[in-house]
Amino acid sequence: MSNTNSTPKTQSSHESQASDSGAHDKHDTHDDERKTAGGRRPALMEVLRQARAQLTELTGLVPETVSSFEQTEDGWSLEVEVLELARVPDTMSLMASYQVELDPEGQLTGYRRVRRYERGRADARAPGRHRLSIPRE
């Protein structure tokens, strides 16, 4: 037979269990809030890591650097530099720039190669384009 009478000791035990249960419910609510906060746009570094990993998976090429990025209405737009063909000396290796488009969550939605070049070659500059003109007095 069981004793169904509540003594002060068992009542405090029940109250303790109830308060533990309430604390557990609050913890679950907090976890749910964090999950819903997961719907926010990812941080920039998270986006860059995801983009590099996704591009590698799709192309088999390992990105060396992200040379430009911008947040757009549709997500993110990046330009990523990759090594396409290693040569000796390294300055003769064939590099490529890829334009990578991502949705707001950082998932790759498209990419295209926009340029190929040898690692040791600089872009040609248009004459006078980067000169600073100072008027003479």
N, C-alpha and C. Protein backbone atom coordinates (compact mmCIF):
# COMPACT_ATOMS: atom_id res chain seq x y z
N MET A 1 0.82 -1.18 0.00
CA MET A 1 0.00 0.00 0.00
C MET A 1 0.87 1.24 0.00
N SER A 2 0.40 2.26 -0.67
CA SER A 2 1.18 3.49 -0.73
C SER A 2 0.55 4.54 0.16
N ASN A 3 1.35 5.42 0.61
CA ASN A 3 0.90 6.51 1.46
C ASN A 3 0.59 7.70 0.57
N THR A 4 -0.67 8.12 0.54
CA THR A 4 -1.07 9.23 -0.32
C THR A 4 -1.12 10.54 0.42
N ASN A 5 -0.86 10.52 1.71
CA ASN A 5 -0.88 11.76 2.50
C ASN A 5 0.37 12.56 2.21
N SER A 6 0.21 13.87 2.08
CA SER A 6 1.35 14.74 1.83
C SER A 6 1.86 15.30 3.14
N THR A 7 3.09 15.07 3.39
CA THR A 7 3.74 15.67 4.55
C THR A 7 4.44 16.92 4.09
N PRO A 8 4.83 17.80 4.99
CA PRO A 8 5.55 19.01 4.57
C PRO A 8 6.80 18.68 3.75
N LYS A 9 7.46 17.57 4.08
CA LYS A 9 8.67 17.20 3.33
C LYS A 9 8.33 16.82 1.90
N THR A 10 7.26 16.04 1.67
CA THR A 10 6.89 15.63 0.32
C THR A 10 6.33 16.81 -0.46
N GLN A 11 5.65 17.75 0.23
CA GLN A 11 5.13 18.93 -0.47
C GLN A 11 6.27 19.77 -1.01
N SER A 12 7.33 19.96 -0.21
CA SER A 12 8.47 20.74 -0.71
C SER A 12 9.17 20.01 -1.84
N SER A 13 9.16 18.70 -1.79
CA SER A 13 9.75 17.92 -2.87
C SER A 13 8.95 18.10 -4.15
N HIS A 14 7.61 18.08 -4.05
CA HIS A 14 6.76 18.30 -5.22
C HIS A 14 6.94 19.71 -5.78
N GLU A 15 7.06 20.71 -4.88
CA GLU A 15 7.27 22.09 -5.32
C GLU A 15 8.60 22.22 -6.04
N SER A 16 9.61 21.52 -5.52
CA SER A 16 10.93 21.55 -6.16
C SER A 16 10.86 20.96 -7.55
N GLN A 17 10.14 19.82 -7.69
CA GLN A 17 10.00 19.20 -9.00
C GLN A 17 9.24 20.10 -9.95
N ALA A 18 8.20 20.77 -9.44
CA ALA A 18 7.42 21.68 -10.28
C ALA A 18 8.27 22.85 -10.74
N SER A 19 9.09 23.40 -9.82
CA SER A 19 9.92 24.53 -10.22
C SER A 19 11.00 24.07 -11.19
N ASP A 20 11.52 22.85 -11.02
CA ASP A 20 12.49 22.31 -11.99
C ASP A 20 11.83 22.16 -13.34
N SER A 21 10.57 21.69 -13.33
CA SER A 21 9.84 21.53 -14.58
C SER A 21 9.64 22.89 -15.26
N GLY A 22 9.33 23.91 -14.46
CA GLY A 22 9.16 25.26 -15.00
C GLY A 22 10.46 25.79 -15.57
N ALA A 23 11.57 25.51 -14.88
CA ALA A 23 12.88 25.94 -15.38
C ALA A 23 13.18 25.25 -16.69
N HIS A 24 12.79 23.97 -16.78
CA HIS A 24 13.02 23.22 -18.01
C HIS A 24 12.21 23.82 -19.15
N ASP A 25 10.95 24.20 -18.85
CA ASP A 25 10.11 24.82 -19.87
C ASP A 25 10.70 26.13 -20.34
N LYS A 26 11.23 26.93 -19.40
CA LYS A 26 11.85 28.20 -19.78
C LYS A 26 13.06 27.94 -20.67
N HIS A 27 13.84 26.91 -20.34
CA HIS A 27 15.02 26.57 -21.15
C HIS A 27 14.61 26.18 -22.56
N ASP A 28 13.53 25.38 -22.68
CA ASP A 28 13.04 24.98 -23.99
C ASP A 28 12.57 26.19 -24.79
N THR A 29 11.89 27.12 -24.13
CA THR A 29 11.44 28.34 -24.79
C THR A 29 12.64 29.13 -25.30
N HIS A 30 13.69 29.21 -24.48
CA HIS A 30 14.89 29.93 -24.88
C HIS A 30 15.52 29.28 -26.11
N ASP A 31 15.56 27.95 -26.14
CA ASP A 31 16.10 27.23 -27.30
C ASP A 31 15.27 27.53 -28.54
N ASP A 32 13.92 27.59 -28.39
CA ASP A 32 13.07 27.89 -29.52
C ASP A 32 13.33 29.30 -30.05
N GLU A 33 13.56 30.25 -29.12
CA GLU A 33 13.86 31.62 -29.54
C GLU A 33 15.15 31.66 -30.34
N ARG A 34 16.17 30.87 -29.90
CA ARG A 34 17.43 30.84 -30.64
C ARG A 34 17.22 30.24 -32.02
N LYS A 35 16.37 29.23 -32.13
CA LYS A 35 16.11 28.59 -33.41
C LYS A 35 15.44 29.58 -34.36
N THR A 36 14.47 30.36 -33.85
CA THR A 36 13.81 31.33 -34.71
C THR A 36 14.77 32.46 -35.08
N ALA A 37 15.71 32.75 -34.18
CA ALA A 37 16.70 33.77 -34.50
C ALA A 37 17.62 33.27 -35.60
N GLY A 38 17.64 31.95 -35.83
CA GLY A 38 18.44 31.37 -36.90
C GLY A 38 17.95 31.79 -38.27
N GLY A 39 16.74 32.39 -38.36
CA GLY A 39 16.22 32.83 -39.63
C GLY A 39 16.85 34.13 -40.12
N ARG A 40 17.70 34.74 -39.32
CA ARG A 40 18.35 36.00 -39.69
C ARG A 40 19.38 35.76 -40.79
N ARG A 41 19.82 36.84 -41.41
CA ARG A 41 20.89 36.72 -42.40
C ARG A 41 22.18 36.30 -41.71
N PRO A 42 22.93 35.38 -42.31
CA PRO A 42 24.18 34.95 -41.68
C PRO A 42 25.23 36.05 -41.69
N ALA A 43 26.18 35.95 -40.78
CA ALA A 43 27.27 36.92 -40.70
C ALA A 43 28.14 36.81 -41.94
N LEU A 44 28.82 37.89 -42.26
CA LEU A 44 29.65 37.95 -43.46
C LEU A 44 30.66 36.82 -43.54
N MET A 45 31.41 36.58 -42.47
CA MET A 45 32.43 35.53 -42.51
C MET A 45 31.82 34.16 -42.73
N GLU A 46 30.64 33.95 -42.19
CA GLU A 46 29.92 32.70 -42.40
C GLU A 46 29.55 32.55 -43.88
N VAL A 47 29.09 33.62 -44.49
CA VAL A 47 28.74 33.62 -45.91
C VAL A 47 29.97 33.31 -46.76
N LEU A 48 31.10 33.96 -46.45
CA LEU A 48 32.32 33.74 -47.23
C LEU A 48 32.79 32.29 -47.11
N ARG A 49 32.75 31.72 -45.91
CA ARG A 49 33.15 30.32 -45.73
C ARG A 49 32.24 29.39 -46.51
N GLN A 50 30.93 29.63 -46.44
CA GLN A 50 29.97 28.79 -47.17
C GLN A 50 30.19 28.89 -48.67
N ALA A 51 30.41 30.09 -49.16
CA ALA A 51 30.61 30.29 -50.59
C ALA A 51 31.84 29.55 -51.08
N ARG A 52 32.94 29.67 -50.34
CA ARG A 52 34.18 28.97 -50.72
C ARG A 52 33.97 27.46 -50.74
N ALA A 53 33.30 26.94 -49.71
CA ALA A 53 33.08 25.49 -49.62
C ALA A 53 32.17 25.01 -50.75
N GLN A 54 31.12 25.75 -51.05
CA GLN A 54 30.19 25.35 -52.10
C GLN A 54 30.83 25.42 -53.48
N LEU A 55 31.62 26.46 -53.73
CA LEU A 55 32.30 26.59 -55.02
C LEU A 55 33.31 25.45 -55.20
N THR A 56 34.03 25.10 -54.14
CA THR A 56 34.98 23.99 -54.20
C THR A 56 34.25 22.69 -54.53
N GLU A 57 33.13 22.46 -53.88
CA GLU A 57 32.37 21.24 -54.11
C GLU A 57 31.88 21.15 -55.55
N LEU A 58 31.45 22.27 -56.11
CA LEU A 58 30.91 22.26 -57.47
C LEU A 58 31.98 22.20 -58.55
N THR A 59 33.09 22.89 -58.35
CA THR A 59 34.10 23.00 -59.40
C THR A 59 35.32 22.11 -59.18
N GLY A 60 35.57 21.72 -57.94
CA GLY A 60 36.79 20.99 -57.63
C GLY A 60 38.00 21.90 -57.49
N LEU A 61 37.79 23.20 -57.61
CA LEU A 61 38.85 24.19 -57.49
C LEU A 61 38.81 24.83 -56.11
N VAL A 62 39.99 25.03 -55.53
CA VAL A 62 40.05 25.61 -54.18
C VAL A 62 40.26 27.12 -54.28
N PRO A 63 39.33 27.90 -53.76
CA PRO A 63 39.48 29.36 -53.78
C PRO A 63 40.70 29.80 -52.97
N GLU A 64 41.45 30.74 -53.53
CA GLU A 64 42.59 31.30 -52.81
C GLU A 64 42.22 32.56 -52.06
N THR A 65 41.33 33.34 -52.64
CA THR A 65 40.92 34.59 -52.00
C THR A 65 39.57 35.05 -52.53
N VAL A 66 38.90 35.84 -51.72
CA VAL A 66 37.69 36.53 -52.16
C VAL A 66 38.13 37.96 -52.43
N SER A 67 38.14 38.35 -53.71
CA SER A 67 38.67 39.66 -54.06
C SER A 67 37.63 40.77 -53.96
N SER A 68 36.35 40.42 -53.97
CA SER A 68 35.32 41.44 -53.74
C SER A 68 34.04 40.76 -53.31
N PHE A 69 33.21 41.52 -52.60
CA PHE A 69 31.91 41.02 -52.19
C PHE A 69 31.00 42.21 -51.95
N GLU A 70 29.70 41.96 -52.09
CA GLU A 70 28.73 42.97 -51.74
C GLU A 70 27.40 42.31 -51.42
N GLN A 71 26.67 42.93 -50.51
CA GLN A 71 25.35 42.47 -50.16
C GLN A 71 24.39 43.08 -51.17
N THR A 72 23.53 42.27 -51.76
CA THR A 72 22.58 42.74 -52.75
C THR A 72 21.16 42.52 -52.25
N GLU A 73 20.18 42.99 -53.01
CA GLU A 73 18.78 42.76 -52.64
C GLU A 73 18.45 41.27 -52.65
N ASP A 74 19.12 40.52 -53.54
CA ASP A 74 18.84 39.09 -53.69
C ASP A 74 19.74 38.21 -52.84
N GLY A 75 20.69 38.79 -52.10
CA GLY A 75 21.59 38.01 -51.27
C GLY A 75 22.98 38.60 -51.24
N TRP A 76 23.93 37.88 -51.89
CA TRP A 76 25.33 38.30 -51.89
C TRP A 76 25.92 38.07 -53.27
N SER A 77 26.88 38.90 -53.62
CA SER A 77 27.63 38.75 -54.87
C SER A 77 29.12 38.82 -54.52
N LEU A 78 29.88 37.80 -54.95
CA LEU A 78 31.30 37.73 -54.62
C LEU A 78 32.12 37.49 -55.89
N GLU A 79 33.37 37.93 -55.87
CA GLU A 79 34.33 37.55 -56.89
C GLU A 79 35.43 36.77 -56.18
N VAL A 80 35.63 35.55 -56.63
CA VAL A 80 36.54 34.61 -55.97
C VAL A 80 37.66 34.24 -56.93
N GLU A 81 38.90 34.27 -56.44
CA GLU A 81 40.07 33.91 -57.23
C GLU A 81 40.46 32.46 -56.93
N VAL A 82 40.63 31.66 -57.99
CA VAL A 82 41.01 30.26 -57.81
C VAL A 82 42.22 29.92 -58.68
N LEU A 83 42.96 28.91 -58.27
CA LEU A 83 44.06 28.38 -59.05
C LEU A 83 43.49 27.32 -59.98
N GLU A 84 43.56 27.55 -61.30
CA GLU A 84 43.03 26.58 -62.26
C GLU A 84 44.09 25.60 -62.73
N LEU A 85 45.33 26.07 -62.89
CA LEU A 85 46.38 25.19 -63.38
C LEU A 85 47.71 25.62 -62.78
N ALA A 86 48.29 24.73 -61.96
CA ALA A 86 49.57 25.04 -61.33
C ALA A 86 50.70 24.82 -62.33
N ARG A 87 51.62 25.77 -62.38
CA ARG A 87 52.80 25.68 -63.27
C ARG A 87 54.04 26.05 -62.49
N VAL A 88 55.18 25.71 -63.06
CA VAL A 88 56.47 26.09 -62.49
C VAL A 88 57.13 27.01 -63.49
N PRO A 89 57.56 28.19 -63.08
CA PRO A 89 57.44 28.77 -61.74
C PRO A 89 55.99 29.16 -61.44
N ASP A 90 55.72 29.35 -60.16
CA ASP A 90 54.37 29.65 -59.69
C ASP A 90 53.78 30.89 -60.34
N THR A 91 54.62 31.83 -60.72
CA THR A 91 54.13 33.07 -61.35
C THR A 91 53.49 32.80 -62.71
N MET A 92 53.71 31.62 -63.26
CA MET A 92 53.11 31.26 -64.55
C MET A 92 51.83 30.43 -64.38
N SER A 93 51.44 30.15 -63.13
CA SER A 93 50.22 29.39 -62.88
C SER A 93 49.01 30.11 -63.44
N LEU A 94 48.03 29.34 -63.89
CA LEU A 94 46.83 29.91 -64.48
C LEU A 94 45.77 30.11 -63.40
N MET A 95 45.35 31.35 -63.21
CA MET A 95 44.35 31.73 -62.22
C MET A 95 43.04 32.08 -62.92
N ALA A 96 41.96 32.11 -62.15
CA ALA A 96 40.66 32.53 -62.69
C ALA A 96 39.88 33.27 -61.64
N SER A 97 39.07 34.20 -62.10
CA SER A 97 38.12 34.92 -61.23
C SER A 97 36.72 34.39 -61.53
N TYR A 98 36.00 34.04 -60.49
CA TYR A 98 34.63 33.56 -60.62
C TYR A 98 33.69 34.53 -59.94
N GLN A 99 32.61 34.88 -60.63
CA GLN A 99 31.53 35.67 -60.04
C GLN A 99 30.58 34.66 -59.40
N VAL A 100 30.33 34.81 -58.10
CA VAL A 100 29.51 33.86 -57.35
C VAL A 100 28.32 34.60 -56.77
N GLU A 101 27.13 34.06 -56.99
CA GLU A 101 25.90 34.65 -56.48
C GLU A 101 25.34 33.73 -55.40
N LEU A 102 24.92 34.35 -54.28
CA LEU A 102 24.35 33.61 -53.15
C LEU A 102 23.01 34.19 -52.77
N ASP A 103 22.13 33.34 -52.23
CA ASP A 103 20.86 33.84 -51.72
C ASP A 103 21.08 34.48 -50.34
N PRO A 104 20.06 35.07 -49.73
CA PRO A 104 20.25 35.74 -48.44
C PRO A 104 20.77 34.83 -47.32
N GLU A 105 20.52 33.52 -47.42
CA GLU A 105 20.99 32.59 -46.40
C GLU A 105 22.42 32.11 -46.66
N GLY A 106 23.01 32.53 -47.79
CA GLY A 106 24.38 32.14 -48.10
C GLY A 106 24.50 30.90 -48.98
N GLN A 107 23.40 30.43 -49.55
CA GLN A 107 23.44 29.26 -50.42
C GLN A 107 23.74 29.71 -51.85
N LEU A 108 24.68 29.01 -52.50
CA LEU A 108 25.10 29.36 -53.84
C LEU A 108 23.94 29.17 -54.82
N THR A 109 23.67 30.19 -55.60
CA THR A 109 22.59 30.11 -56.60
C THR A 109 23.15 30.15 -58.02
N GLY A 110 24.40 30.55 -58.18
CA GLY A 110 25.01 30.56 -59.51
C GLY A 110 26.45 31.03 -59.45
N TYR A 111 27.21 30.64 -60.47
CA TYR A 111 28.59 31.12 -60.59
C TYR A 111 28.99 31.10 -62.05
N ARG A 112 29.99 31.90 -62.39
CA ARG A 112 30.54 31.91 -63.75
C ARG A 112 31.97 32.43 -63.71
N ARG A 113 32.79 31.90 -64.59
CA ARG A 113 34.16 32.39 -64.68
C ARG A 113 34.12 33.66 -65.50
N VAL A 114 34.74 34.72 -64.97
CA VAL A 114 34.71 36.00 -65.65
C VAL A 114 36.07 36.39 -66.21
N ARG A 115 37.14 35.70 -65.77
CA ARG A 115 38.46 36.08 -66.24
C ARG A 115 39.46 34.96 -65.96
N ARG A 116 40.41 34.77 -66.87
CA ARG A 116 41.56 33.87 -66.65
C ARG A 116 42.82 34.68 -66.88
N TYR A 117 43.85 34.39 -66.07
CA TYR A 117 45.08 35.16 -66.19
C TYR A 117 46.22 34.38 -65.56
N GLU A 118 47.44 34.74 -65.93
CA GLU A 118 48.61 34.15 -65.29
C GLU A 118 48.84 34.87 -63.97
N ARG A 119 49.22 34.11 -62.96
CA ARG A 119 49.39 34.67 -61.62
C ARG A 119 50.35 35.87 -61.62
N GLY A 120 51.40 35.84 -62.38
CA GLY A 120 52.40 36.89 -62.37
C GLY A 120 52.05 38.12 -63.18
N ARG A 121 50.89 38.14 -63.83
CA ARG A 121 50.51 39.29 -64.67
C ARG A 121 49.54 40.21 -63.97
N ALA A 122 49.81 41.49 -64.04
CA ALA A 122 48.90 42.50 -63.49
C ALA A 122 47.91 42.92 -64.56
N ASP A 123 46.79 43.44 -64.15
CA ASP A 123 45.81 43.97 -65.10
C ASP A 123 46.41 45.17 -65.80
N ALA A 124 46.09 45.33 -67.07
CA ALA A 124 46.53 46.50 -67.83
C ALA A 124 45.73 47.71 -67.35
N ARG A 125 46.41 48.82 -67.16
CA ARG A 125 45.74 50.05 -66.74
C ARG A 125 45.52 50.93 -67.95
N ALA A 126 44.39 51.58 -67.96
CA ALA A 126 44.10 52.54 -69.02
C ALA A 126 44.95 53.77 -68.77
N PRO A 127 45.57 54.36 -69.82
CA PRO A 127 46.42 55.53 -69.63
C PRO A 127 45.68 56.67 -68.95
N GLY A 128 46.29 57.21 -67.92
CA GLY A 128 45.75 58.37 -67.23
C GLY A 128 44.56 58.08 -66.34
N ARG A 129 44.09 56.88 -66.34
CA ARG A 129 42.87 56.57 -65.59
C ARG A 129 43.07 56.67 -64.08
N HIS A 130 44.24 56.32 -63.59
CA HIS A 130 44.47 56.32 -62.15
C HIS A 130 45.35 57.48 -61.71
N ARG A 131 45.53 58.45 -62.56
CA ARG A 131 46.37 59.59 -62.20
C ARG A 131 45.57 60.60 -61.41
N LEU A 132 46.24 61.20 -60.48
CA LEU A 132 45.62 62.26 -59.70
C LEU A 132 45.99 63.59 -60.33
N SER A 133 44.99 64.35 -60.74
CA SER A 133 45.26 65.66 -61.34
C SER A 133 45.17 66.72 -60.27
N ILE A 134 46.25 67.51 -60.15
CA ILE A 134 46.26 68.61 -59.21
C ILE A 134 46.34 69.90 -60.02
N PRO A 135 45.33 70.74 -59.89
CA PRO A 135 45.35 72.00 -60.66
C PRO A 135 46.51 72.89 -60.21
N ARG A 136 47.14 73.52 -61.16
CA ARG A 136 48.24 74.47 -60.85
C ARG A 136 47.66 75.83 -60.54
N GLU A 137 48.30 76.51 -59.62
CA GLU A 137 47.81 77.84 -59.25
C GLU A 137 48.53 78.91 -60.01
